[in-house]
Amino acid sequence: MAIGGKPDEDHPDPKINAALALTKTFVGDHHAIRDEDFHALRALFTEKEIAALCAFMAFMAAAHKFGVIMDVLPESR
């Protein structure tokens, strides 16, 4: 996996593919996440892992929005 680049679209690990698919839906339209998505996740993850994944996605979305409203820009190197 490339660091700092676009994520792999077809990773050999099905757990990573499932997490990426959920994340893409969350970013694109979080209202589009359905019960069926969670049923599919339960085949690969524990409830605690699913909760941690969802919490991380929510935290990152909130951190991004906070940066936007505070007008935080990355430092130039």
PDB file of N, CA and C in Angstrom:
ATOM      1  N   MET A   1       0.846  -1.176   0.000  1.00  0.00           N
ATOM      2  CA  MET A   1       0.000   0.000   0.000  1.00  0.00           C
ATOM      3  C   MET A   1       0.888   1.234   0.000  1.00  0.00           C
ATOM      4  N   ALA A   2       0.542   2.174  -0.838  1.00  0.00           N
ATOM      5  CA  ALA A   2       1.284   3.431  -0.916  1.00  0.00           C
ATOM      6  C   ALA A   2       0.969   4.297   0.293  1.00  0.00           C
ATOM      7  N   ILE A   3       1.977   4.950   0.819  1.00  0.00           N
ATOM      8  CA  ILE A   3       1.780   5.843   1.954  1.00  0.00           C
ATOM      9  C   ILE A   3       1.522   7.242   1.420  1.00  0.00           C
ATOM     10  N   GLY A   4       0.436   7.845   1.895  1.00  0.00           N
ATOM     11  CA  GLY A   4       0.120   9.212   1.495  1.00  0.00           C
ATOM     12  C   GLY A   4      -0.512   9.334   0.123  1.00  0.00           C
ATOM     13  N   GLY A   5      -0.792   8.219  -0.495  1.00  0.00           N
ATOM     14  CA  GLY A   5      -1.408   8.270  -1.815  1.00  0.00           C
ATOM     15  C   GLY A   5      -2.814   7.713  -1.784  1.00  0.00           C
ATOM     16  N   LYS A   6      -3.345   7.517  -2.945  1.00  0.00           N
ATOM     17  CA  LYS A   6      -4.683   6.954  -3.084  1.00  0.00           C
ATOM     18  C   LYS A   6      -4.666   5.504  -2.574  1.00  0.00           C
ATOM     19  N   PRO A   7      -5.694   5.082  -1.850  1.00  0.00           N
ATOM     20  CA  PRO A   7      -5.700   3.705  -1.342  1.00  0.00           C
ATOM     21  C   PRO A   7      -5.827   2.694  -2.464  1.00  0.00           C
ATOM     22  N   ASP A   8      -5.329   1.495  -2.192  1.00  0.00           N
ATOM     23  CA  ASP A   8      -5.470   0.404  -3.142  1.00  0.00           C
ATOM     24  C   ASP A   8      -6.951   0.148  -3.393  1.00  0.00           C
ATOM     25  N   GLU A   9      -7.343  -0.005  -4.635  1.00  0.00           N
ATOM     26  CA  GLU A   9      -8.744  -0.251  -4.970  1.00  0.00           C
ATOM     27  C   GLU A   9      -9.122  -1.723  -4.818  1.00  0.00           C
ATOM     28  N   ASP A  10      -8.164  -2.609  -4.964  1.00  0.00           N
ATOM     29  CA  ASP A  10      -8.439  -4.041  -4.861  1.00  0.00           C
ATOM     30  C   ASP A  10      -7.350  -4.677  -4.018  1.00  0.00           C
ATOM     31  N   HIS A  11      -7.479  -4.559  -2.725  1.00  0.00           N
ATOM     32  CA  HIS A  11      -6.486  -5.090  -1.799  1.00  0.00           C
ATOM     33  C   HIS A  11      -6.715  -6.587  -1.625  1.00  0.00           C
ATOM     34  N   PRO A  12      -5.650  -7.373  -1.438  1.00  0.00           N
ATOM     35  CA  PRO A  12      -5.840  -8.813  -1.276  1.00  0.00           C
ATOM     36  C   PRO A  12      -6.551  -9.191   0.029  1.00  0.00           C
ATOM     37  N   ASP A  13      -6.586  -8.283   0.999  1.00  0.00           N
ATOM     38  CA  ASP A  13      -7.238  -8.562   2.282  1.00  0.00           C
ATOM     39  C   ASP A  13      -8.708  -8.137   2.202  1.00  0.00           C
ATOM     40  N   PRO A  14      -9.638  -9.076   2.323  1.00  0.00           N
ATOM     41  CA  PRO A  14     -11.062  -8.732   2.201  1.00  0.00           C
ATOM     42  C   PRO A  14     -11.532  -7.760   3.290  1.00  0.00           C
ATOM     43  N   LYS A  15     -10.881  -7.767   4.445  1.00  0.00           N
ATOM     44  CA  LYS A  15     -11.263  -6.832   5.511  1.00  0.00           C
ATOM     45  C   LYS A  15     -10.949  -5.391   5.100  1.00  0.00           C
ATOM     46  N   ILE A  16      -9.806  -5.197   4.474  1.00  0.00           N
ATOM     47  CA  ILE A  16      -9.430  -3.857   4.016  1.00  0.00           C
ATOM     48  C   ILE A  16     -10.377  -3.412   2.912  1.00  0.00           C
ATOM     49  N   ASN A  17     -10.719  -4.303   1.996  1.00  0.00           N
ATOM     50  CA  ASN A  17     -11.668  -3.960   0.929  1.00  0.00           C
ATOM     51  C   ASN A  17     -13.028  -3.574   1.506  1.00  0.00           C
ATOM     52  N   ALA A  18     -13.488  -4.297   2.511  1.00  0.00           N
ATOM     53  CA  ALA A  18     -14.784  -3.993   3.117  1.00  0.00           C
ATOM     54  C   ALA A  18     -14.749  -2.650   3.842  1.00  0.00           C
ATOM     55  N   ALA A  19     -13.660  -2.394   4.568  1.00  0.00           N
ATOM     56  CA  ALA A  19     -13.528  -1.118   5.271  1.00  0.00           C
ATOM     57  C   ALA A  19     -13.454   0.034   4.279  1.00  0.00           C
ATOM     58  N   LEU A  20     -12.745  -0.161   3.189  1.00  0.00           N
ATOM     59  CA  LEU A  20     -12.643   0.878   2.163  1.00  0.00           C
ATOM     60  C   LEU A  20     -13.997   1.142   1.517  1.00  0.00           C
ATOM     61  N   ALA A  21     -14.753   0.100   1.243  1.00  0.00           N
ATOM     62  CA  ALA A  21     -16.075   0.268   0.632  1.00  0.00           C
ATOM     63  C   ALA A  21     -16.998   1.053   1.563  1.00  0.00           C
ATOM     64  N   LEU A  22     -16.982   0.722   2.851  1.00  0.00           N
ATOM     65  CA  LEU A  22     -17.814   1.450   3.804  1.00  0.00           C
ATOM     66  C   LEU A  22     -17.380   2.911   3.889  1.00  0.00           C
ATOM     67  N   THR A  23     -16.081   3.127   3.908  1.00  0.00           N
ATOM     68  CA  THR A  23     -15.554   4.491   4.001  1.00  0.00           C
ATOM     69  C   THR A  23     -15.956   5.314   2.778  1.00  0.00           C
ATOM     70  N   LYS A  24     -15.871   4.726   1.595  1.00  0.00           N
ATOM     71  CA  LYS A  24     -16.268   5.440   0.376  1.00  0.00           C
ATOM     72  C   LYS A  24     -17.743   5.831   0.435  1.00  0.00           C
ATOM     73  N   THR A  25     -18.579   4.921   0.919  1.00  0.00           N
ATOM     74  CA  THR A  25     -19.999   5.237   1.039  1.00  0.00           C
ATOM     75  C   THR A  25     -20.202   6.336   2.069  1.00  0.00           C
ATOM     76  N   PHE A  26     -19.518   6.238   3.190  1.00  0.00           N
ATOM     77  CA  PHE A  26     -19.619   7.240   4.253  1.00  0.00           C
ATOM     78  C   PHE A  26     -19.232   8.622   3.746  1.00  0.00           C
ATOM     79  N   VAL A  27     -18.161   8.704   3.010  1.00  0.00           N
ATOM     80  CA  VAL A  27     -17.688   9.987   2.496  1.00  0.00           C
ATOM     81  C   VAL A  27     -18.619  10.507   1.401  1.00  0.00           C
ATOM     82  N   GLY A  28     -19.073   9.629   0.539  1.00  0.00           N
ATOM     83  CA  GLY A  28     -19.925  10.046  -0.579  1.00  0.00           C
ATOM     84  C   GLY A  28     -21.322  10.435  -0.156  1.00  0.00           C
ATOM     85  N   ASP A  29     -21.959   9.603   0.658  1.00  0.00           N
ATOM     86  CA  ASP A  29     -23.321   9.873   1.136  1.00  0.00           C
ATOM     87  C   ASP A  29     -23.598   8.940   2.306  1.00  0.00           C
ATOM     88  N   HIS A  30     -23.361   9.423   3.508  1.00  0.00           N
ATOM     89  CA  HIS A  30     -23.505   8.566   4.682  1.00  0.00           C
ATOM     90  C   HIS A  30     -24.943   8.049   4.851  1.00  0.00           C
ATOM     91  N   HIS A  31     -25.908   8.708   4.243  1.00  0.00           N
ATOM     92  CA  HIS A  31     -27.292   8.224   4.296  1.00  0.00           C
ATOM     93  C   HIS A  31     -27.478   6.963   3.459  1.00  0.00           C
ATOM     94  N   ALA A  32     -26.525   6.661   2.592  1.00  0.00           N
ATOM     95  CA  ALA A  32     -26.626   5.488   1.721  1.00  0.00           C
ATOM     96  C   ALA A  32     -26.167   4.209   2.415  1.00  0.00           C
ATOM     97  N   ILE A  33     -25.622   4.313   3.628  1.00  0.00           N
ATOM     98  CA  ILE A  33     -25.207   3.112   4.364  1.00  0.00           C
ATOM     99  C   ILE A  33     -26.472   2.410   4.858  1.00  0.00           C
ATOM    100  N   ARG A  34     -26.585   1.137   4.530  1.00  0.00           N
ATOM    101  CA  ARG A  34     -27.795   0.377   4.825  1.00  0.00           C
ATOM    102  C   ARG A  34     -27.495  -0.785   5.789  1.00  0.00           C
ATOM    103  N   ASP A  35     -28.539  -1.356   6.307  1.00  0.00           N
ATOM    104  CA  ASP A  35     -28.384  -2.507   7.203  1.00  0.00           C
ATOM    105  C   ASP A  35     -27.602  -3.631   6.528  1.00  0.00           C
ATOM    106  N   GLU A  36     -27.813  -3.797   5.222  1.00  0.00           N
ATOM    107  CA  GLU A  36     -27.111  -4.854   4.490  1.00  0.00           C
ATOM    108  C   GLU A  36     -25.595  -4.657   4.535  1.00  0.00           C
ATOM    109  N   ASP A  37     -25.163  -3.392   4.545  1.00  0.00           N
ATOM    110  CA  ASP A  37     -23.729  -3.115   4.633  1.00  0.00           C
ATOM    111  C   ASP A  37     -23.167  -3.635   5.953  1.00  0.00           C
ATOM    112  N   PHE A  38     -23.928  -3.451   7.030  1.00  0.00           N
ATOM    113  CA  PHE A  38     -23.472  -3.939   8.332  1.00  0.00           C
ATOM    114  C   PHE A  38     -23.536  -5.458   8.420  1.00  0.00           C
ATOM    115  N   HIS A  39     -24.514  -6.078   7.767  1.00  0.00           N
ATOM    116  CA  HIS A  39     -24.562  -7.542   7.729  1.00  0.00           C
ATOM    117  C   HIS A  39     -23.303  -8.086   7.048  1.00  0.00           C
ATOM    118  N   ALA A  40     -22.893  -7.448   5.955  1.00  0.00           N
ATOM    119  CA  ALA A  40     -21.679  -7.878   5.254  1.00  0.00           C
ATOM    120  C   ALA A  40     -20.439  -7.664   6.126  1.00  0.00           C
ATOM    121  N   LEU A  41     -20.399  -6.562   6.846  1.00  0.00           N
ATOM    122  CA  LEU A  41     -19.250  -6.298   7.723  1.00  0.00           C
ATOM    123  C   LEU A  41     -19.158  -7.331   8.840  1.00  0.00           C
ATOM    124  N   ARG A  42     -20.295  -7.772   9.352  1.00  0.00           N
ATOM    125  CA  ARG A  42     -20.293  -8.744  10.452  1.00  0.00           C
ATOM    126  C   ARG A  42     -19.704 -10.092  10.042  1.00  0.00           C
ATOM    127  N   ALA A  43     -19.657 -10.362   8.745  1.00  0.00           N
ATOM    128  CA  ALA A  43     -19.029 -11.597   8.275  1.00  0.00           C
ATOM    129  C   ALA A  43     -17.510 -11.531   8.400  1.00  0.00           C
ATOM    130  N   LEU A  44     -16.970 -10.304   8.517  1.00  0.00           N
ATOM    131  CA  LEU A  44     -15.516 -10.116   8.547  1.00  0.00           C
ATOM    132  C   LEU A  44     -14.995  -9.513   9.857  1.00  0.00           C
ATOM    133  N   PHE A  45     -15.825  -8.738  10.525  1.00  0.00           N
ATOM    134  CA  PHE A  45     -15.391  -7.984  11.702  1.00  0.00           C
ATOM    135  C   PHE A  45     -16.259  -8.315  12.914  1.00  0.00           C
ATOM    136  N   THR A  46     -15.694  -8.100  14.088  1.00  0.00           N
ATOM    137  CA  THR A  46     -16.477  -8.187  15.315  1.00  0.00           C
ATOM    138  C   THR A  46     -17.263  -6.889  15.474  1.00  0.00           C
ATOM    139  N   GLU A  47     -18.235  -6.895  16.382  1.00  0.00           N
ATOM    140  CA  GLU A  47     -19.003  -5.679  16.651  1.00  0.00           C
ATOM    141  C   GLU A  47     -18.089  -4.552  17.142  1.00  0.00           C
ATOM    142  N   LYS A  48     -17.108  -4.893  17.965  1.00  0.00           N
ATOM    143  CA  LYS A  48     -16.169  -3.881  18.469  1.00  0.00           C
ATOM    144  C   LYS A  48     -15.339  -3.295  17.331  1.00  0.00           C
ATOM    145  N   GLU A  49     -14.923  -4.132  16.390  1.00  0.00           N
ATOM    146  CA  GLU A  49     -14.148  -3.633  15.251  1.00  0.00           C
ATOM    147  C   GLU A  49     -14.997  -2.726  14.363  1.00  0.00           C
ATOM    148  N   ILE A  50     -16.260  -3.083  14.158  1.00  0.00           N
ATOM    149  CA  ILE A  50     -17.150  -2.254  13.355  1.00  0.00           C
ATOM    150  C   ILE A  50     -17.372  -0.914  14.042  1.00  0.00           C
ATOM    151  N   ALA A  51     -17.578  -0.949  15.347  1.00  0.00           N
ATOM    152  CA  ALA A  51     -17.764   0.291  16.099  1.00  0.00           C
ATOM    153  C   ALA A  51     -16.514   1.167  16.021  1.00  0.00           C
ATOM    154  N   ALA A  52     -15.343   0.549  16.130  1.00  0.00           N
ATOM    155  CA  ALA A  52     -14.092   1.310  16.050  1.00  0.00           C
ATOM    156  C   ALA A  52     -13.916   1.921  14.658  1.00  0.00           C
ATOM    157  N   LEU A  53     -14.240   1.170  13.614  1.00  0.00           N
ATOM    158  CA  LEU A  53     -14.139   1.681  12.247  1.00  0.00           C
ATOM    159  C   LEU A  53     -15.074   2.870  12.050  1.00  0.00           C
ATOM    160  N   CYS A  54     -16.313   2.741  12.498  1.00  0.00           N
ATOM    161  CA  CYS A  54     -17.282   3.839  12.356  1.00  0.00           C
ATOM    162  C   CYS A  54     -16.865   5.049  13.186  1.00  0.00           C
ATOM    163  N   ALA A  55     -16.365   4.813  14.391  1.00  0.00           N
ATOM    164  CA  ALA A  55     -15.911   5.919  15.235  1.00  0.00           C
ATOM    165  C   ALA A  55     -14.731   6.645  14.594  1.00  0.00           C
ATOM    166  N   PHE A  56     -13.807   5.893  13.999  1.00  0.00           N
ATOM    167  CA  PHE A  56     -12.655   6.512  13.353  1.00  0.00           C
ATOM    168  C   PHE A  56     -13.093   7.345  12.148  1.00  0.00           C
ATOM    169  N   MET A  57     -14.026   6.813  11.360  1.00  0.00           N
ATOM    170  CA  MET A  57     -14.520   7.572  10.212  1.00  0.00           C
ATOM    171  C   MET A  57     -15.175   8.871  10.675  1.00  0.00           C
ATOM    172  N   ALA A  58     -15.986   8.789  11.723  1.00  0.00           N
ATOM    173  CA  ALA A  58     -16.657   9.983  12.240  1.00  0.00           C
ATOM    174  C   ALA A  58     -15.644  10.979  12.795  1.00  0.00           C
ATOM    175  N   PHE A  59     -14.638  10.485  13.498  1.00  0.00           N
ATOM    176  CA  PHE A  59     -13.613  11.374  14.046  1.00  0.00           C
ATOM    177  C   PHE A  59     -12.855  12.088  12.929  1.00  0.00           C
ATOM    178  N   MET A  60     -12.470  11.362  11.905  1.00  0.00           N
ATOM    179  CA  MET A  60     -11.717  11.970  10.811  1.00  0.00           C
ATOM    180  C   MET A  60     -12.575  12.995  10.061  1.00  0.00           C
ATOM    181  N   ALA A  61     -13.850  12.702   9.869  1.00  0.00           N
ATOM    182  CA  ALA A  61     -14.743  13.660   9.209  1.00  0.00           C
ATOM    183  C   ALA A  61     -14.869  14.925  10.048  1.00  0.00           C
ATOM    184  N   ALA A  62     -15.028  14.757  11.364  1.00  0.00           N
ATOM    185  CA  ALA A  62     -15.142  15.911  12.253  1.00  0.00           C
ATOM    186  C   ALA A  62     -13.832  16.698  12.296  1.00  0.00           C
ATOM    187  N   ALA A  63     -12.702  16.010  12.316  1.00  0.00           N
ATOM    188  CA  ALA A  63     -11.408  16.690  12.338  1.00  0.00           C
ATOM    189  C   ALA A  63     -11.212  17.506  11.063  1.00  0.00           C
ATOM    190  N   HIS A  64     -11.632  16.956   9.938  1.00  0.00           N
ATOM    191  CA  HIS A  64     -11.533  17.688   8.674  1.00  0.00           C
ATOM    192  C   HIS A  64     -12.404  18.938   8.713  1.00  0.00           C
ATOM    193  N   LYS A  65     -13.628  18.788   9.157  1.00  0.00           N
ATOM    194  CA  LYS A  65     -14.537  19.945   9.224  1.00  0.00           C
ATOM    195  C   LYS A  65     -14.007  20.999  10.187  1.00  0.00           C
ATOM    196  N   PHE A  66     -13.432  20.569  11.307  1.00  0.00           N
ATOM    197  CA  PHE A  66     -12.851  21.512  12.256  1.00  0.00           C
ATOM    198  C   PHE A  66     -11.715  22.284  11.593  1.00  0.00           C
ATOM    199  N   GLY A  67     -10.865  21.589  10.855  1.00  0.00           N
ATOM    200  CA  GLY A  67      -9.778  22.254  10.146  1.00  0.00           C
ATOM    201  C   GLY A  67     -10.277  23.268   9.142  1.00  0.00           C
ATOM    202  N   VAL A  68     -11.369  22.935   8.466  1.00  0.00           N
ATOM    203  CA  VAL A  68     -11.942  23.850   7.482  1.00  0.00           C
ATOM    204  C   VAL A  68     -12.465  25.118   8.152  1.00  0.00           C
ATOM    205  N   ILE A  69     -13.238  24.942   9.237  1.00  0.00           N
ATOM    206  CA  ILE A  69     -13.814  26.140   9.871  1.00  0.00           C
ATOM    207  C   ILE A  69     -12.756  26.984  10.575  1.00  0.00           C
ATOM    208  N   MET A  70     -11.641  26.355  10.970  1.00  0.00           N
ATOM    209  CA  MET A  70     -10.553  27.105  11.611  1.00  0.00           C
ATOM    210  C   MET A  70      -9.548  27.613  10.588  1.00  0.00           C
ATOM    211  N   ASP A  71      -9.781  27.308   9.304  1.00  0.00           N
ATOM    212  CA  ASP A  71      -8.923  27.727   8.216  1.00  0.00           C
ATOM    213  C   ASP A  71      -7.492  27.224   8.389  1.00  0.00           C
ATOM    214  N   VAL A  72      -7.374  25.975   8.817  1.00  0.00           N
ATOM    215  CA  VAL A  72      -6.065  25.355   9.025  1.00  0.00           C
ATOM    216  C   VAL A  72      -5.566  24.814   7.697  1.00  0.00           C
ATOM    217  N   LEU A  73      -4.394  25.191   7.327  1.00  0.00           N
ATOM    218  CA  LEU A  73      -3.781  24.704   6.090  1.00  0.00           C
ATOM    219  C   LEU A  73      -2.525  23.913   6.434  1.00  0.00           C
ATOM    220  N   PRO A  74      -2.203  22.910   5.629  1.00  0.00           N
ATOM    221  CA  PRO A  74      -0.973  22.157   5.901  1.00  0.00           C
ATOM    222  C   PRO A  74       0.245  23.054   5.746  1.00  0.00           C
ATOM    223  N   GLU A  75       1.257  22.780   6.566  1.00  0.00           N
ATOM    224  CA  GLU A  75       2.503  23.541   6.463  1.00  0.00           C
ATOM    225  C   GLU A  75       3.226  23.152   5.178  1.00  0.00           C
ATOM    226  N   SER A  76       3.863  24.132   4.549  1.00  0.00           N
ATOM    227  CA  SER A  76       4.679  23.805   3.385  1.00  0.00           C
ATOM    228  C   SER A  76       5.991  23.250   3.893  1.00  0.00           C
ATOM    229  N   ARG A  77       6.534  22.319   3.166  1.00  0.00           N
ATOM    230  CA  ARG A  77       7.768  21.659   3.622  1.00  0.00           C
ATOM    231  C   ARG A  77       8.963  22.259   2.985  1.00  0.00           C
TER     232      ARG A  77
END
